[in-house]
Amino acid sequence: MKTKILALAFLALSIAGCKKNDLNTESIESNKNLEPLARLTQGNQRFLDEKSIHPHQNKQSVLDNQDGQKPFAVVITCSDSRVSPEIVFDQGIGDLFVIRNAGNLISDIDMGSIEYAIEHLDTKMVVILGHTECGAIKAYINDKDGSYKKHFNHIDNIVETISQENEEIEADKTKPKATNYLGAIDANIKHSTKLIQDNPIVKEHNIKIVSMRYDVHTGKVSQL
């Protein structure tokens, strides 16, 4: 009798597992058919709801992408360890072309990476993803007297780059940066967005550009 009960319990678990796998496969396929922005926003909502489907995060996805890649979006974001695009957007291998540096800045090399994704990988959308509690922005805000010019290290180069952004200068005129932390974050995102929008290759290919901010306190991504 005991053996029969155990067998029935095992069978029930097996059936439940199969149904779960079928639902997950269906969700992944449904996600794949969405427009790029919807894929990201719905993925973030799944992450917030703790219902991530973890698409394309398996050995088969490695094999499927071994001869090439077709990411549906470029994401320029910060190097901050709390900001992982594939996790917060619930995406996987081959989905996102991610470019990271402290402060999600746009150098010539970053711009070249964007152009590569557009021209050679046929990516149709570029996302600039800034975030709260950004160390690069905090360094800029705390640099009250331009002392970064005296230190001659590479971190100071980041602060100097941010301080020269037109959007930061205008934001500082509206409200002093010491009391406008969120405004400084958004100004930095908008500056990177403007640089990408002005790129001739981006214009030629009619690429969708989206500015977003990730909240490290909640896990939520908001569109600016």
Protein backbone atom coordinates (compact mmCIF):
# COMPACT_ATOMS: atom_id res chain seq x y z
CA MET A 1 0.00 0.00 0.00
CA LYS A 2 2.80 2.36 0.98
CA THR A 3 4.60 1.63 -2.29
CA LYS A 4 1.47 2.48 -4.30
CA ILE A 5 1.05 5.80 -2.46
CA LEU A 6 4.66 6.75 -3.15
CA ALA A 7 4.27 5.80 -6.80
CA LEU A 8 1.13 7.96 -7.14
CA ALA A 9 2.85 10.87 -5.43
CA PHE A 10 5.83 10.58 -7.79
CA LEU A 11 3.50 10.45 -10.80
CA ALA A 12 1.65 13.57 -9.62
CA LEU A 13 4.92 15.46 -9.21
CA SER A 14 6.09 14.35 -12.66
CA ILE A 15 2.86 15.55 -14.28
CA ALA A 16 3.06 18.88 -12.45
CA GLY A 17 6.66 19.28 -13.58
CA CYS A 18 5.74 18.60 -17.20
CA LYS A 19 2.89 21.12 -17.08
CA LYS A 20 5.21 23.74 -15.59
CA ASN A 21 7.79 23.15 -18.32
CA ASP A 22 5.10 23.39 -21.00
CA LEU A 23 3.85 26.69 -19.56
CA ASN A 24 7.39 28.04 -19.34
CA THR A 25 8.09 27.11 -22.98
CA GLU A 26 4.85 28.77 -24.02
CA SER A 27 5.75 31.92 -22.06
CA ILE A 28 9.19 32.07 -23.65
CA GLU A 29 7.75 31.77 -27.16
CA SER A 30 5.10 34.42 -26.38
CA ASN A 31 7.81 36.73 -25.02
CA LYS A 32 9.85 36.25 -28.20
CA ASN A 33 7.00 37.52 -30.37
CA LEU A 34 6.64 40.85 -28.54
CA GLU A 35 8.02 44.17 -29.79
CA PRO A 36 11.46 44.97 -28.28
CA LEU A 37 10.26 47.59 -25.78
CA ALA A 38 7.39 45.36 -24.65
CA ARG A 39 9.82 42.47 -24.16
CA LEU A 40 11.84 44.61 -21.78
CA THR A 41 8.97 46.20 -19.87
CA GLN A 42 7.08 42.94 -19.46
CA GLY A 43 10.30 41.20 -18.48
CA ASN A 44 10.92 43.77 -15.75
CA GLN A 45 7.36 43.31 -14.50
CA ARG A 46 7.90 39.56 -14.29
CA PHE A 47 11.09 40.23 -12.33
CA LEU A 48 9.22 42.53 -9.93
CA ASP A 49 6.42 39.99 -9.51
CA GLU A 50 8.98 37.21 -8.90
CA LYS A 51 7.62 35.35 -11.93
CA SER A 52 10.73 35.41 -14.11
CA ILE A 53 10.71 32.81 -16.87
CA HIS A 54 14.51 32.96 -17.41
CA PRO A 55 14.31 32.65 -21.21
CA HIS A 56 17.30 31.36 -23.16
CA GLN A 57 19.33 30.61 -20.04
CA ASN A 58 20.34 27.06 -20.81
CA LYS A 59 22.83 24.97 -22.77
CA GLN A 60 20.52 24.84 -25.80
CA SER A 61 20.65 28.65 -26.02
CA VAL A 62 24.44 28.45 -26.07
CA LEU A 63 24.24 26.04 -29.00
CA ASP A 64 21.58 28.09 -30.79
CA ASN A 65 23.82 31.18 -30.72
CA GLN A 66 27.21 29.59 -31.30
CA ASP A 67 27.40 30.62 -34.97
CA GLY A 68 25.99 34.12 -34.58
CA GLN A 69 23.80 36.44 -32.58
CA LYS A 70 20.67 38.53 -33.19
CA PRO A 71 20.11 40.60 -30.04
CA PHE A 72 16.83 42.50 -30.15
CA ALA A 73 18.15 45.49 -28.14
CA VAL A 74 21.34 47.29 -27.22
CA VAL A 75 21.52 48.29 -23.54
CA ILE A 76 24.04 50.91 -22.42
CA THR A 77 24.22 50.82 -18.64
CA CYS A 78 26.46 51.29 -15.63
CA SER A 79 29.05 48.78 -14.42
CA ASP A 80 27.32 48.78 -11.01
CA SER A 81 26.99 45.16 -9.80
CA ARG A 82 23.36 45.79 -8.79
CA VAL A 83 22.33 46.57 -12.35
CA SER A 84 22.28 43.43 -14.51
CA PRO A 85 20.12 43.94 -17.63
CA GLU A 86 19.55 40.25 -18.36
CA ILE A 87 18.25 39.76 -14.82
CA VAL A 88 16.14 42.89 -14.30
CA PHE A 89 14.60 42.54 -17.79
CA ASP A 90 14.31 38.72 -17.50
CA GLN A 91 16.18 37.97 -20.73
CA GLY A 92 18.90 35.50 -21.64
CA ILE A 93 21.74 34.43 -23.93
CA GLY A 94 21.61 36.19 -27.31
CA ASP A 95 18.84 38.63 -26.33
CA LEU A 96 20.71 41.78 -25.32
CA PHE A 97 23.86 43.48 -26.60
CA VAL A 98 25.09 45.06 -23.36
CA ILE A 99 27.64 47.88 -23.08
CA ARG A 100 28.73 48.81 -19.55
CA ASN A 101 30.92 51.43 -17.92
CA ALA A 102 30.80 53.55 -14.77
CA GLY A 103 28.10 56.18 -15.31
CA ASN A 104 26.73 54.71 -18.58
CA LEU A 105 28.82 57.22 -20.55
CA ILE A 106 29.25 57.26 -24.33
CA SER A 107 32.84 57.28 -25.57
CA ASP A 108 33.95 56.67 -29.16
CA ILE A 109 34.43 53.00 -28.32
CA ASP A 110 30.93 52.72 -26.86
CA MET A 111 29.50 54.45 -29.91
CA GLY A 112 31.39 52.07 -32.16
CA SER A 113 29.89 49.14 -30.26
CA ILE A 114 26.41 50.56 -30.82
CA GLU A 115 27.10 51.01 -34.53
CA TYR A 116 28.32 47.42 -34.76
CA ALA A 117 25.11 46.08 -33.21
CA ILE A 118 23.02 48.16 -35.61
CA GLU A 119 24.94 47.51 -38.83
CA HIS A 120 26.11 43.93 -38.31
CA LEU A 121 23.57 42.41 -35.91
CA ASP A 122 20.49 44.24 -37.20
CA THR A 123 19.48 45.44 -33.72
CA LYS A 124 16.53 47.85 -33.87
CA MET A 125 16.47 49.47 -30.42
CA VAL A 126 18.98 51.14 -28.10
CA VAL A 127 18.27 51.59 -24.39
CA ILE A 128 20.19 53.95 -22.10
CA LEU A 129 19.73 52.56 -18.60
CA GLY A 130 20.88 54.77 -15.74
CA HIS A 131 20.14 53.98 -12.11
CA THR A 132 19.66 55.37 -8.62
CA GLU A 133 22.57 55.37 -6.18
CA CYS A 134 25.00 55.72 -9.08
CA GLY A 135 28.54 56.10 -7.75
CA ALA A 136 29.70 58.10 -10.77
CA ILE A 137 26.92 60.66 -10.26
CA LYS A 138 27.60 60.79 -6.52
CA ALA A 139 31.26 61.55 -7.25
CA TYR A 140 30.16 64.36 -9.57
CA ILE A 141 27.77 65.80 -6.97
CA ASN A 142 30.35 65.61 -4.17
CA ASP A 143 32.95 67.37 -6.31
CA LYS A 144 31.92 70.84 -5.15
CA ASP A 145 35.00 72.80 -6.20
CA GLY A 146 36.31 71.00 -9.28
CA SER A 147 38.99 69.22 -7.25
CA TYR A 148 38.88 66.29 -9.68
CA LYS A 149 41.23 68.31 -11.89
CA LYS A 150 43.96 68.06 -9.24
CA HIS A 151 44.05 64.29 -8.77
CA PHE A 152 44.96 63.09 -12.26
CA ASN A 153 43.46 59.63 -11.95
CA HIS A 154 41.02 57.88 -14.23
CA ILE A 155 38.07 58.20 -11.86
CA ASP A 156 38.50 61.95 -12.12
CA ASN A 157 38.12 61.61 -15.89
CA ILE A 158 34.66 60.16 -15.34
CA VAL A 159 33.67 63.04 -13.04
CA GLU A 160 35.04 65.61 -15.47
CA THR A 161 33.14 64.04 -18.36
CA ILE A 162 29.87 64.20 -16.42
CA SER A 163 30.52 67.78 -15.29
CA GLN A 164 30.86 68.89 -18.93
CA GLU A 165 27.54 67.45 -20.07
CA ASN A 166 25.22 70.24 -21.20
CA GLU A 167 22.25 68.55 -19.55
CA GLU A 168 24.07 68.49 -16.19
CA ILE A 169 25.00 72.16 -16.53
CA GLU A 170 21.38 73.11 -17.25
CA ALA A 171 20.08 70.93 -14.42
CA ASP A 172 22.53 72.61 -12.02
CA LYS A 173 21.18 76.04 -13.05
CA THR A 174 17.64 74.95 -12.23
CA LYS A 175 18.52 73.38 -8.89
CA PRO A 176 21.96 73.02 -7.25
CA LYS A 177 23.34 69.54 -7.85
CA ALA A 178 23.87 68.95 -4.12
CA THR A 179 20.09 68.91 -3.67
CA ASN A 180 19.17 67.51 -7.07
CA TYR A 181 20.53 63.97 -7.05
CA LEU A 182 17.73 62.41 -9.11
CA GLY A 183 17.85 65.33 -11.53
CA ALA A 184 21.58 64.75 -12.02
CA ILE A 185 20.98 61.06 -12.74
CA ASP A 186 18.32 61.86 -15.33
CA ALA A 187 20.43 64.61 -16.91
CA ASN A 188 23.25 62.11 -17.39
CA ILE A 189 20.87 59.61 -19.02
CA LYS A 190 19.47 62.31 -21.30
CA HIS A 191 22.97 63.37 -22.35
CA SER A 192 23.91 59.85 -23.46
CA THR A 193 20.55 59.59 -25.21
CA LYS A 194 21.19 62.81 -27.15
CA LEU A 195 24.62 61.65 -28.28
CA ILE A 196 23.15 58.43 -29.65
CA GLN A 197 20.22 60.21 -31.31
CA ASP A 198 22.66 62.47 -33.16
CA ASN A 199 24.67 59.56 -34.55
CA PRO A 200 24.27 59.40 -38.38
CA ILE A 201 24.11 55.59 -38.45
CA VAL A 202 21.40 55.57 -35.79
CA LYS A 203 19.44 58.10 -37.85
CA GLU A 204 19.97 56.24 -41.11
CA HIS A 205 18.62 52.99 -39.67
CA ASN A 206 15.75 54.72 -37.87
CA ILE A 207 16.67 53.11 -34.55
CA LYS A 208 14.32 53.44 -31.59
CA ILE A 209 16.08 55.13 -28.64
CA VAL A 210 14.69 54.67 -25.13
CA SER A 211 15.85 56.38 -21.91
CA MET A 212 15.30 54.40 -18.71
CA ARG A 213 16.17 54.57 -15.02
CA TYR A 214 16.56 51.52 -12.77
CA ASP A 215 15.74 51.87 -9.07
CA VAL A 216 18.15 49.77 -7.01
CA HIS A 217 15.77 50.03 -4.03
CA THR A 218 12.81 48.39 -5.74
CA GLY A 219 14.04 46.64 -8.91
CA LYS A 220 11.70 48.72 -11.05
CA VAL A 221 12.71 50.21 -14.42
CA SER A 222 10.98 53.45 -15.40
CA GLN A 223 10.98 55.07 -18.82
CA LEU A 224 11.96 58.76 -18.85
